[in-house]
């Protein structure tokens, strides 16, 4: 019994899930927490990506263990990125482990045209919340979303944390690896929205955590900022 209690306790610490209880069928789960990275320097592996290799319509984002890259999985296809010799490298396998992972399985999405009046990150955040409510998604629980189209511009980074550095900040995370600004590029974005998971899988200034990849698969990583272009599409889990 003692060993069973320890096992259950360990699982509860490293893995959590939360389910959106509407008529649609999806749940958001996560392993790890931003606050443990930022305040405790804990960047150890929390889950192996191999665990999910047989999950259909799987969507995930996060950071590779020891903060040695970014995780992007779109519809069970991985576009993970790492910095090797100052060059961006893709890893399309599920052989890595994650220090932070947020994920959900979504079988069907509903496409929504984003109004041209939505331009900034802050406007997008408000719009996504309202669009979710309009489509009968319980916004008191986390939910995933996709976006596609041509962004006017976006800021991105792929982390490559220095071994042994225990002092974390968002600025250091951005500057540790590769980063930049891209203009007028066709992209796909994967995000998770929650107003109750700050310092867990969203930063304290936002309700969204978003990763991005260009359609030509030359860039993929963490999204730091954006300016929307015209004709962009938002995709939410279909509630029917």
C-alpha atoms as a PDB file:
ATOM      1  CA  UNK A   1       0.000   0.000   0.000  1.00  0.00           C
ATOM      2  CA  UNK A   2       2.858   2.358   0.784  1.00  0.00           C
ATOM      3  CA  UNK A   3       4.362   1.844  -2.681  1.00  0.00           C
ATOM      4  CA  UNK A   4       0.945   2.280  -4.311  1.00  0.00           C
ATOM      5  CA  UNK A   5       0.414   5.589  -2.477  1.00  0.00           C
ATOM      6  CA  UNK A   6       3.802   6.880  -3.625  1.00  0.00           C
ATOM      7  CA  UNK A   7       3.029   5.913  -7.236  1.00  0.00           C
ATOM      8  CA  UNK A   8      -0.349   7.658  -7.194  1.00  0.00           C
ATOM      9  CA  UNK A   9       1.188  10.764  -5.604  1.00  0.00           C
ATOM     10  CA  UNK A  10       3.933  10.921  -8.226  1.00  0.00           C
ATOM     11  CA  UNK A  11       1.444  10.685 -11.071  1.00  0.00           C
ATOM     12  CA  UNK A  12      -0.742  13.420  -9.563  1.00  0.00           C
ATOM     13  CA  UNK A  13       2.203  15.799  -9.293  1.00  0.00           C
ATOM     14  CA  UNK A  14       3.483  15.386 -12.848  1.00  0.00           C
ATOM     15  CA  UNK A  15       0.280  15.046 -14.853  1.00  0.00           C
ATOM     16  CA  UNK A  16      -2.997  16.917 -14.798  1.00  0.00           C
ATOM     17  CA  UNK A  17      -6.002  17.055 -17.043  1.00  0.00           C
ATOM     18  CA  UNK A  18      -9.078  19.151 -17.384  1.00  0.00           C
ATOM     19  CA  UNK A  19     -12.130  18.423 -19.502  1.00  0.00           C
ATOM     20  CA  UNK A  20     -14.383  20.820 -21.333  1.00  0.00           C
ATOM     21  CA  UNK A  21     -17.781  19.398 -20.433  1.00  0.00           C
ATOM     22  CA  UNK A  22     -19.873  20.661 -23.323  1.00  0.00           C
ATOM     23  CA  UNK A  23     -21.557  18.473 -25.938  1.00  0.00           C
ATOM     24  CA  UNK A  24     -18.286  18.243 -27.856  1.00  0.00           C
ATOM     25  CA  UNK A  25     -15.720  15.621 -26.966  1.00  0.00           C
ATOM     26  CA  UNK A  26     -12.254  16.857 -26.118  1.00  0.00           C
ATOM     27  CA  UNK A  27     -10.138  17.440 -23.055  1.00  0.00           C
ATOM     28  CA  UNK A  28      -7.011  19.458 -22.443  1.00  0.00           C
ATOM     29  CA  UNK A  29      -4.221  17.779 -20.522  1.00  0.00           C
ATOM     30  CA  UNK A  30      -0.802  18.972 -19.491  1.00  0.00           C
ATOM     31  CA  UNK A  31       2.448  17.811 -17.923  1.00  0.00           C
ATOM     32  CA  UNK A  32       4.822  20.163 -16.117  1.00  0.00           C
ATOM     33  CA  UNK A  33       4.329  23.804 -15.169  1.00  0.00           C
ATOM     34  CA  UNK A  34       5.946  27.092 -16.173  1.00  0.00           C
ATOM     35  CA  UNK A  35       6.223  28.208 -12.553  1.00  0.00           C
ATOM     36  CA  UNK A  36       8.429  25.210 -11.753  1.00  0.00           C
ATOM     37  CA  UNK A  37      10.781  26.201 -14.559  1.00  0.00           C
ATOM     38  CA  UNK A  38      10.838  29.894 -13.750  1.00  0.00           C
ATOM     39  CA  UNK A  39      11.027  29.718  -9.948  1.00  0.00           C
ATOM     40  CA  UNK A  40      12.596  26.330  -9.224  1.00  0.00           C
ATOM     41  CA  UNK A  41      14.735  25.801 -12.305  1.00  0.00           C
ATOM     42  CA  UNK A  42      13.046  22.442 -12.883  1.00  0.00           C
ATOM     43  CA  UNK A  43      13.495  21.688 -16.580  1.00  0.00           C
ATOM     44  CA  UNK A  44      13.583  17.910 -16.276  1.00  0.00           C
ATOM     45  CA  UNK A  45      11.500  15.591 -18.433  1.00  0.00           C
ATOM     46  CA  UNK A  46       7.869  15.188 -17.388  1.00  0.00           C
ATOM     47  CA  UNK A  47       6.528  12.984 -20.187  1.00  0.00           C
ATOM     48  CA  UNK A  48       7.840  11.089 -23.223  1.00  0.00           C
ATOM     49  CA  UNK A  49       6.260  11.983 -26.557  1.00  0.00           C
ATOM     50  CA  UNK A  50       6.270   8.287 -27.493  1.00  0.00           C
ATOM     51  CA  UNK A  51       3.337   7.873 -25.111  1.00  0.00           C
ATOM     52  CA  UNK A  52       1.149   9.609 -27.701  1.00  0.00           C
ATOM     53  CA  UNK A  53       2.341   7.957 -30.921  1.00  0.00           C
ATOM     54  CA  UNK A  54      -0.927   6.023 -31.376  1.00  0.00           C
ATOM     55  CA  UNK A  55      -3.265   8.893 -30.447  1.00  0.00           C
ATOM     56  CA  UNK A  56      -5.278  10.064 -33.451  1.00  0.00           C
ATOM     57  CA  UNK A  57      -5.849  13.751 -34.215  1.00  0.00           C
ATOM     58  CA  UNK A  58      -3.365  14.721 -31.513  1.00  0.00           C
ATOM     59  CA  UNK A  59      -2.369  18.366 -31.039  1.00  0.00           C
ATOM     60  CA  UNK A  60       0.368  19.456 -28.637  1.00  0.00           C
ATOM     61  CA  UNK A  61       2.821  22.218 -27.852  1.00  0.00           C
ATOM     62  CA  UNK A  62       5.524  22.641 -25.257  1.00  0.00           C
ATOM     63  CA  UNK A  63       9.244  22.557 -24.579  1.00  0.00           C
ATOM     64  CA  UNK A  64      11.722  19.710 -24.943  1.00  0.00           C
ATOM     65  CA  UNK A  65      13.405  18.489 -21.745  1.00  0.00           C
ATOM     66  CA  UNK A  66      16.186  20.709 -20.423  1.00  0.00           C
ATOM     67  CA  UNK A  67      14.669  23.445 -22.629  1.00  0.00           C
ATOM     68  CA  UNK A  68      16.537  22.226 -25.680  1.00  0.00           C
ATOM     69  CA  UNK A  69      13.858  23.016 -28.230  1.00  0.00           C
ATOM     70  CA  UNK A  70      10.176  23.535 -28.961  1.00  0.00           C
ATOM     71  CA  UNK A  71       7.387  21.006 -29.471  1.00  0.00           C
ATOM     72  CA  UNK A  72       4.708  21.417 -32.140  1.00  0.00           C
ATOM     73  CA  UNK A  73       2.422  18.520 -33.033  1.00  0.00           C
ATOM     74  CA  UNK A  74      -0.364  19.139 -35.548  1.00  0.00           C
ATOM     75  CA  UNK A  75      -2.874  16.326 -36.154  1.00  0.00           C
ATOM     76  CA  UNK A  76      -0.423  13.694 -34.820  1.00  0.00           C
ATOM     77  CA  UNK A  77       2.454  14.984 -37.007  1.00  0.00           C
ATOM     78  CA  UNK A  78       5.420  16.452 -35.163  1.00  0.00           C
ATOM     79  CA  UNK A  79       7.332  19.538 -36.282  1.00  0.00           C
ATOM     80  CA  UNK A  80       9.621  19.811 -33.264  1.00  0.00           C
ATOM     81  CA  UNK A  81      12.537  22.209 -33.537  1.00  0.00           C
ATOM     82  CA  UNK A  82      15.970  22.487 -31.955  1.00  0.00           C
ATOM     83  CA  UNK A  83      18.993  24.744 -32.335  1.00  0.00           C
ATOM     84  CA  UNK A  84      22.153  22.892 -33.338  1.00  0.00           C
ATOM     85  CA  UNK A  85      25.300  24.885 -34.161  1.00  0.00           C
ATOM     86  CA  UNK A  86      23.222  28.076 -34.442  1.00  0.00           C
ATOM     87  CA  UNK A  87      20.992  26.438 -37.053  1.00  0.00           C
ATOM     88  CA  UNK A  88      17.309  25.544 -36.790  1.00  0.00           C
ATOM     89  CA  UNK A  89      16.747  21.798 -37.081  1.00  0.00           C
ATOM     90  CA  UNK A  90      13.469  19.901 -37.361  1.00  0.00           C
ATOM     91  CA  UNK A  91      12.785  16.620 -35.594  1.00  0.00           C
ATOM     92  CA  UNK A  92       9.681  14.929 -37.014  1.00  0.00           C
ATOM     93  CA  UNK A  93       9.908  11.966 -34.649  1.00  0.00           C
ATOM     94  CA  UNK A  94       8.359  11.431 -31.232  1.00  0.00           C
ATOM     95  CA  UNK A  95      11.665  10.412 -29.667  1.00  0.00           C
ATOM     96  CA  UNK A  96      12.027  13.425 -27.374  1.00  0.00           C
ATOM     97  CA  UNK A  97      10.740  14.056 -23.866  1.00  0.00           C
ATOM     98  CA  UNK A  98       8.982  17.211 -22.697  1.00  0.00           C
ATOM     99  CA  UNK A  99       9.535  19.384 -19.657  1.00  0.00           C
ATOM    100  CA  UNK A 100       6.218  21.084 -20.497  1.00  0.00           C
ATOM    101  CA  UNK A 101       3.474  19.699 -22.706  1.00  0.00           C
ATOM    102  CA  UNK A 102      -0.108  20.887 -23.300  1.00  0.00           C
ATOM    103  CA  UNK A 103      -2.254  18.709 -25.509  1.00  0.00           C
ATOM    104  CA  UNK A 104      -5.658  17.545 -26.683  1.00  0.00           C
ATOM    105  CA  UNK A 105      -7.168  15.174 -29.221  1.00  0.00           C
ATOM    106  CA  UNK A 106      -9.700  16.878 -31.505  1.00  0.00           C
ATOM    107  CA  UNK A 107     -11.505  14.900 -34.192  1.00  0.00           C
ATOM    108  CA  UNK A 108     -13.321  17.759 -35.886  1.00  0.00           C
ATOM    109  CA  UNK A 109     -12.841  21.506 -36.142  1.00  0.00           C
ATOM    110  CA  UNK A 110     -15.160  24.349 -37.097  1.00  0.00           C
ATOM    111  CA  UNK A 111     -13.691  27.108 -39.275  1.00  0.00           C
ATOM    112  CA  UNK A 112     -14.521  30.752 -38.572  1.00  0.00           C
ATOM    113  CA  UNK A 113     -13.467  33.797 -40.601  1.00  0.00           C
ATOM    114  CA  UNK A 114     -11.612  36.260 -38.381  1.00  0.00           C
ATOM    115  CA  UNK A 115     -12.866  39.838 -38.939  1.00  0.00           C
ATOM    116  CA  UNK A 116     -10.366  42.202 -40.523  1.00  0.00           C
ATOM    117  CA  UNK A 117     -10.820  44.489 -37.515  1.00  0.00           C
ATOM    118  CA  UNK A 118      -8.898  41.952 -35.390  1.00  0.00           C
ATOM    119  CA  UNK A 119      -5.251  42.903 -35.777  1.00  0.00           C
ATOM    120  CA  UNK A 120      -3.305  42.745 -32.495  1.00  0.00           C
ATOM    121  CA  UNK A 121      -2.531  39.912 -30.100  1.00  0.00           C
ATOM    122  CA  UNK A 122      -4.774  41.463 -27.443  1.00  0.00           C
ATOM    123  CA  UNK A 123      -7.665  41.801 -29.885  1.00  0.00           C
ATOM    124  CA  UNK A 124      -7.189  38.209 -30.961  1.00  0.00           C
ATOM    125  CA  UNK A 125      -7.270  36.964 -27.369  1.00  0.00           C
ATOM    126  CA  UNK A 126     -10.594  38.686 -26.708  1.00  0.00           C
ATOM    127  CA  UNK A 127     -12.008  37.514 -30.030  1.00  0.00           C
ATOM    128  CA  UNK A 128     -11.098  33.872 -29.426  1.00  0.00           C
ATOM    129  CA  UNK A 129     -12.791  33.891 -26.029  1.00  0.00           C
ATOM    130  CA  UNK A 130     -15.998  35.357 -27.473  1.00  0.00           C
ATOM    131  CA  UNK A 131     -15.943  33.069 -30.510  1.00  0.00           C
ATOM    132  CA  UNK A 132     -15.634  30.062 -28.206  1.00  0.00           C
ATOM    133  CA  UNK A 133     -18.620  31.206 -26.165  1.00  0.00           C
ATOM    134  CA  UNK A 134     -20.627  31.747 -29.344  1.00  0.00           C
ATOM    135  CA  UNK A 135     -19.860  28.165 -30.349  1.00  0.00           C
ATOM    136  CA  UNK A 136     -20.963  26.657 -27.029  1.00  0.00           C
ATOM    137  CA  UNK A 137     -17.455  25.949 -25.734  1.00  0.00           C
ATOM    138  CA  UNK A 138     -17.167  26.203 -21.965  1.00  0.00           C
ATOM    139  CA  UNK A 139     -14.556  28.938 -21.542  1.00  0.00           C
ATOM    140  CA  UNK A 140     -14.274  28.176 -17.837  1.00  0.00           C
ATOM    141  CA  UNK A 141     -12.201  25.202 -18.966  1.00  0.00           C
ATOM    142  CA  UNK A 142      -9.130  25.234 -21.248  1.00  0.00           C
ATOM    143  CA  UNK A 143      -9.652  24.657 -24.952  1.00  0.00           C
ATOM    144  CA  UNK A 144      -7.418  24.342 -28.024  1.00  0.00           C
ATOM    145  CA  UNK A 145      -7.623  26.381 -31.191  1.00  0.00           C
ATOM    146  CA  UNK A 146      -5.981  26.540 -34.600  1.00  0.00           C
ATOM    147  CA  UNK A 147      -5.372  29.440 -36.959  1.00  0.00           C
ATOM    148  CA  UNK A 148      -4.258  29.584 -40.559  1.00  0.00           C
ATOM    149  CA  UNK A 149      -3.599  32.252 -43.134  1.00  0.00           C
ATOM    150  CA  UNK A 150      -1.026  34.931 -43.860  1.00  0.00           C
ATOM    151  CA  UNK A 151       0.195  36.981 -40.918  1.00  0.00           C
ATOM    152  CA  UNK A 152       1.336  40.530 -41.536  1.00  0.00           C
ATOM    153  CA  UNK A 153       4.169  39.793 -39.098  1.00  0.00           C
ATOM    154  CA  UNK A 154       5.069  37.537 -36.192  1.00  0.00           C
ATOM    155  CA  UNK A 155       7.825  37.158 -33.610  1.00  0.00           C
ATOM    156  CA  UNK A 156       9.087  33.677 -32.788  1.00  0.00           C
ATOM    157  CA  UNK A 157      11.792  31.841 -30.888  1.00  0.00           C
ATOM    158  CA  UNK A 158      13.204  28.372 -30.362  1.00  0.00           C
ATOM    159  CA  UNK A 159      14.772  27.928 -26.949  1.00  0.00           C
ATOM    160  CA  UNK A 160      18.266  26.493 -26.447  1.00  0.00           C
ATOM    161  CA  UNK A 161      18.893  26.841 -22.732  1.00  0.00           C
ATOM    162  CA  UNK A 162      22.424  26.957 -21.380  1.00  0.00           C
ATOM    163  CA  UNK A 163      23.239  23.909 -19.267  1.00  0.00           C
ATOM    164  CA  UNK A 164      23.450  24.723 -15.572  1.00  0.00           C
ATOM    165  CA  UNK A 165      21.777  28.135 -15.762  1.00  0.00           C
ATOM    166  CA  UNK A 166      19.245  28.239 -12.916  1.00  0.00           C
ATOM    167  CA  UNK A 167      18.087  31.847 -13.349  1.00  0.00           C
ATOM    168  CA  UNK A 168      15.092  31.934 -15.663  1.00  0.00           C
ATOM    169  CA  UNK A 169      13.214  34.782 -17.321  1.00  0.00           C
ATOM    170  CA  UNK A 170      11.077  35.027 -20.422  1.00  0.00           C
ATOM    171  CA  UNK A 171      13.621  37.359 -22.031  1.00  0.00           C
ATOM    172  CA  UNK A 172      16.423  34.845 -21.430  1.00  0.00           C
ATOM    173  CA  UNK A 173      14.269  32.054 -22.840  1.00  0.00           C
ATOM    174  CA  UNK A 174      13.704  34.043 -26.038  1.00  0.00           C
ATOM    175  CA  UNK A 175      17.357  34.997 -26.456  1.00  0.00           C
ATOM    176  CA  UNK A 176      18.922  31.661 -25.516  1.00  0.00           C
ATOM    177  CA  UNK A 177      18.418  30.140 -28.958  1.00  0.00           C
ATOM    178  CA  UNK A 178      17.140  31.439 -32.279  1.00  0.00           C
ATOM    179  CA  UNK A 179      14.526  34.167 -32.658  1.00  0.00           C
ATOM    180  CA  UNK A 180      13.306  36.638 -35.198  1.00  0.00           C
ATOM    181  CA  UNK A 181      10.489  38.510 -36.915  1.00  0.00           C
ATOM    182  CA  UNK A 182       8.887  37.238 -40.121  1.00  0.00           C
ATOM    183  CA  UNK A 183       6.621  39.308 -42.367  1.00  0.00           C
ATOM    184  CA  UNK A 184       3.843  38.320 -44.784  1.00  0.00           C
ATOM    185  CA  UNK A 185       4.188  34.585 -44.310  1.00  0.00           C
ATOM    186  CA  UNK A 186       1.568  31.865 -44.647  1.00  0.00           C
ATOM    187  CA  UNK A 187       1.393  30.009 -41.346  1.00  0.00           C
ATOM    188  CA  UNK A 188      -0.421  27.535 -39.156  1.00  0.00           C
ATOM    189  CA  UNK A 189      -0.835  28.192 -35.444  1.00  0.00           C
ATOM    190  CA  UNK A 190      -1.780  25.938 -32.558  1.00  0.00           C
ATOM    191  CA  UNK A 191      -2.847  27.465 -29.273  1.00  0.00           C
ATOM    192  CA  UNK A 192      -4.467  26.709 -25.947  1.00  0.00           C
ATOM    193  CA  UNK A 193      -6.694  29.209 -24.184  1.00  0.00           C
ATOM    194  CA  UNK A 194      -7.319  29.327 -20.430  1.00  0.00           C
ATOM    195  CA  UNK A 195      -7.948  32.086 -17.903  1.00  0.00           C
ATOM    196  CA  UNK A 196      -7.149  29.731 -15.021  1.00  0.00           C
ATOM    197  CA  UNK A 197      -3.700  28.329 -15.867  1.00  0.00           C
ATOM    198  CA  UNK A 198      -1.375  31.311 -15.610  1.00  0.00           C
ATOM    199  CA  UNK A 199       2.143  30.173 -14.632  1.00  0.00           C
ATOM    200  CA  UNK A 200       1.056  26.627 -15.488  1.00  0.00           C
ATOM    201  CA  UNK A 201       0.881  26.642 -19.285  1.00  0.00           C
ATOM    202  CA  UNK A 202       0.248  30.328 -20.009  1.00  0.00           C
ATOM    203  CA  UNK A 203       2.418  33.235 -18.934  1.00  0.00           C
ATOM    204  CA  UNK A 204       1.035  35.657 -16.359  1.00  0.00           C
ATOM    205  CA  UNK A 205       0.285  38.348 -18.961  1.00  0.00           C
ATOM    206  CA  UNK A 206      -1.901  36.266 -21.289  1.00  0.00           C
ATOM    207  CA  UNK A 207      -4.592  33.591 -21.427  1.00  0.00           C
ATOM    208  CA  UNK A 208      -3.037  32.008 -24.513  1.00  0.00           C
ATOM    209  CA  UNK A 209      -0.042  29.834 -25.276  1.00  0.00           C
ATOM    210  CA  UNK A 210       0.606  29.625 -29.010  1.00  0.00           C
ATOM    211  CA  UNK A 211       3.163  27.900 -31.227  1.00  0.00           C
ATOM    212  CA  UNK A 212       3.560  28.522 -34.931  1.00  0.00           C
ATOM    213  CA  UNK A 213       4.948  26.956 -38.072  1.00  0.00           C
ATOM    214  CA  UNK A 214       5.282  28.317 -41.569  1.00  0.00           C
ATOM    215  CA  UNK A 215       3.443  26.349 -44.247  1.00  0.00           C
ATOM    216  CA  UNK A 216       6.750  25.703 -46.046  1.00  0.00           C
ATOM    217  CA  UNK A 217       8.024  24.088 -42.808  1.00  0.00           C
ATOM    218  CA  UNK A 218      11.127  26.255 -42.639  1.00  0.00           C
ATOM    219  CA  UNK A 219      10.292  27.872 -39.279  1.00  0.00           C
ATOM    220  CA  UNK A 220       8.473  26.455 -36.259  1.00  0.00           C
ATOM    221  CA  UNK A 221       8.521  27.390 -32.613  1.00  0.00           C
ATOM    222  CA  UNK A 222       7.036  29.505 -29.851  1.00  0.00           C
ATOM    223  CA  UNK A 223       4.989  32.562 -30.860  1.00  0.00           C
ATOM    224  CA  UNK A 224       5.953  35.764 -29.046  1.00  0.00           C
ATOM    225  CA  UNK A 225       3.826  38.301 -30.894  1.00  0.00           C
ATOM    226  CA  UNK A 226       1.844  38.833 -34.083  1.00  0.00           C
ATOM    227  CA  UNK A 227      -0.008  41.216 -36.334  1.00  0.00           C
ATOM    228  CA  UNK A 228      -2.864  39.569 -38.194  1.00  0.00           C
ATOM    229  CA  UNK A 229      -3.304  39.796 -41.929  1.00  0.00           C
ATOM    230  CA  UNK A 230      -6.584  39.776 -43.809  1.00  0.00           C
ATOM    231  CA  UNK A 231      -8.605  36.636 -44.455  1.00  0.00           C
ATOM    232  CA  UNK A 232      -7.290  34.557 -41.563  1.00  0.00           C
ATOM    233  CA  UNK A 233      -9.201  31.533 -40.298  1.00  0.00           C
ATOM    234  CA  UNK A 234      -9.808  30.494 -36.681  1.00  0.00           C
ATOM    235  CA  UNK A 235     -10.611  26.856 -35.984  1.00  0.00           C
ATOM    236  CA  UNK A 236     -12.354  25.742 -32.792  1.00  0.00           C
ATOM    237  CA  UNK A 237     -13.345  22.238 -31.705  1.00  0.00           C
ATOM    238  CA  UNK A 238     -16.655  21.391 -33.363  1.00  0.00           C
ATOM    239  CA  UNK A 239     -19.398  21.221 -30.744  1.00  0.00           C
ATOM    240  CA  UNK A 240     -21.794  19.136 -32.837  1.00  0.00           C
END
